[in-house]
Structures are given as structure tokens and as C-alpha cells.
Amino acid sequence: MASYVLYIVTGAVLALMAARHLLALRRALPKPNEAARPGLPHAMEGKGAHWAERALCGAIFLFGLWMMLTAGLLLIAGLLHSLWS
């Protein structure tokens, strides 16, 4: 049972950290219509790779939510099983 609580807390921390980073990225990056089309030197420096950072943060956020949901359901199932056994 304690491991399920640990998984819930870990998932919550992952989701919170990813959500905060996604919000920070949203505020820091320029709007698509404001930015000029980047050239090759811009891409070589990795400045145009914000879409990859957003995708990774989104995946971490979804994994944290999935981890919380799964561990929460398993915790509830374990508690109900222990009550009726």
C-alpha cells in the first residue's frame, strides 16, 4: 500500500513540474506570427527546437497523470479488497 502512495506522490510531482515548465515555455517563447522564419544557423544552435521541448514536457505530464491514476485505482482496489476479505 505504501508503494502506491509513493507512486501517487511521484506522479503528482512529475505532472506538476512538467506543467510548470510548459507554462513557463508558453510565456517565454514568441508568438508564431511574431517570429521571423529561422535560418540554418538558428536551427544549428538548437533555438528552433522548442517544439521538441514542449512535446517532451507534454509526455512527462501525461505520464505523471497516468501514474497517479493507475496507482490511485490500485490503492482503492487494495483497500476495498482488504475491507471485504
Protein backbone atom coordinates (compact mmCIF):
# COMPACT_ATOMS: atom_id res chain seq x y z
CA MET A 1 0.00 0.00 0.00
CA ALA A 2 2.81 2.40 0.78
CA SER A 3 4.29 1.89 -2.68
CA TYR A 4 1.01 3.03 -4.25
CA VAL A 5 1.11 6.23 -2.20
CA LEU A 6 4.71 6.73 -3.31
CA TYR A 7 3.66 6.27 -6.94
CA ILE A 8 0.83 8.78 -6.49
CA VAL A 9 3.18 11.36 -4.99
CA THR A 10 5.81 10.74 -7.69
CA GLY A 11 3.22 11.09 -10.43
CA ALA A 12 1.92 14.30 -8.90
CA VAL A 13 5.42 15.77 -8.70
CA LEU A 14 6.17 14.79 -12.31
CA ALA A 15 2.90 16.27 -13.57
CA LEU A 16 3.36 19.46 -11.55
CA MET A 17 6.93 20.02 -12.70
CA ALA A 18 6.06 19.37 -16.35
CA ALA A 19 3.00 21.64 -16.18
CA ARG A 20 5.04 24.47 -14.65
CA HIS A 21 7.67 24.09 -17.35
CA LEU A 22 5.03 24.06 -20.09
CA LEU A 23 3.53 27.28 -18.71
CA ALA A 24 6.97 28.88 -18.48
CA LEU A 25 7.69 27.90 -22.08
CA ARG A 26 4.39 29.37 -23.20
CA ARG A 27 5.25 32.73 -21.67
CA ALA A 28 8.91 32.76 -22.79
CA LEU A 29 8.51 31.89 -26.46
CA PRO A 30 7.39 34.43 -29.03
CA LYS A 31 4.07 34.04 -30.83
CA PRO A 32 4.28 32.15 -34.14
CA ASN A 33 3.20 35.18 -36.17
CA GLU A 34 5.74 37.46 -34.46
CA ALA A 35 8.80 35.31 -35.05
CA ALA A 36 10.74 35.54 -38.27
CA ARG A 37 11.42 32.33 -40.15
CA PRO A 38 14.60 30.87 -38.63
CA GLY A 39 17.59 30.17 -40.83
CA LEU A 40 20.13 27.36 -40.73
CA PRO A 41 22.42 28.94 -38.08
CA HIS A 42 19.39 29.43 -35.86
CA ALA A 43 18.47 25.75 -36.21
CA MET A 44 22.05 24.56 -35.70
CA GLU A 45 22.19 26.31 -32.33
CA GLY A 46 19.04 24.49 -31.23
CA LYS A 47 16.99 27.64 -30.79
CA GLY A 48 14.21 26.36 -33.01
CA ALA A 49 13.76 23.11 -31.11
CA HIS A 50 11.17 24.43 -28.68
CA TRP A 51 8.57 22.10 -30.19
CA ALA A 52 10.63 19.11 -29.05
CA GLU A 53 10.86 20.53 -25.53
CA ARG A 54 7.11 21.08 -25.48
CA ALA A 55 6.45 17.55 -26.72
CA LEU A 56 8.74 16.04 -24.10
CA CYS A 57 7.16 18.10 -21.31
CA GLY A 58 3.72 17.07 -22.50
CA ALA A 59 4.72 13.41 -22.48
CA ILE A 60 6.12 13.72 -18.95
CA PHE A 61 2.94 15.48 -17.83
CA LEU A 62 0.74 12.73 -19.28
CA PHE A 63 2.94 10.02 -17.77
CA GLY A 64 2.63 11.66 -14.34
CA LEU A 65 -1.16 11.80 -14.67
CA TRP A 66 -1.28 8.19 -15.82
CA MET A 67 0.94 7.15 -12.91
CA MET A 68 -1.30 8.94 -10.39
CA LEU A 69 -4.49 7.49 -11.86
CA THR A 70 -3.20 3.94 -12.04
CA ALA A 71 -1.68 3.94 -8.56
CA GLY A 72 -4.80 5.60 -7.13
CA LEU A 73 -7.06 2.95 -8.62
CA LEU A 74 -4.79 0.17 -7.40
CA LEU A 75 -4.72 1.71 -3.92
CA ILE A 76 -8.51 1.92 -3.82
CA ALA A 77 -8.80 -1.65 -5.07
CA GLY A 78 -6.36 -2.84 -2.41
CA LEU A 79 -8.22 -1.00 0.33
CA LEU A 80 -11.57 -2.39 -0.76
CA HIS A 81 -10.11 -5.88 -1.04
CA SER A 82 -8.68 -5.66 2.49
CA LEU A 83 -12.03 -4.45 3.87
CA TRP A 84 -14.06 -7.34 2.46
CA SER A 85 -11.52 -10.12 2.96
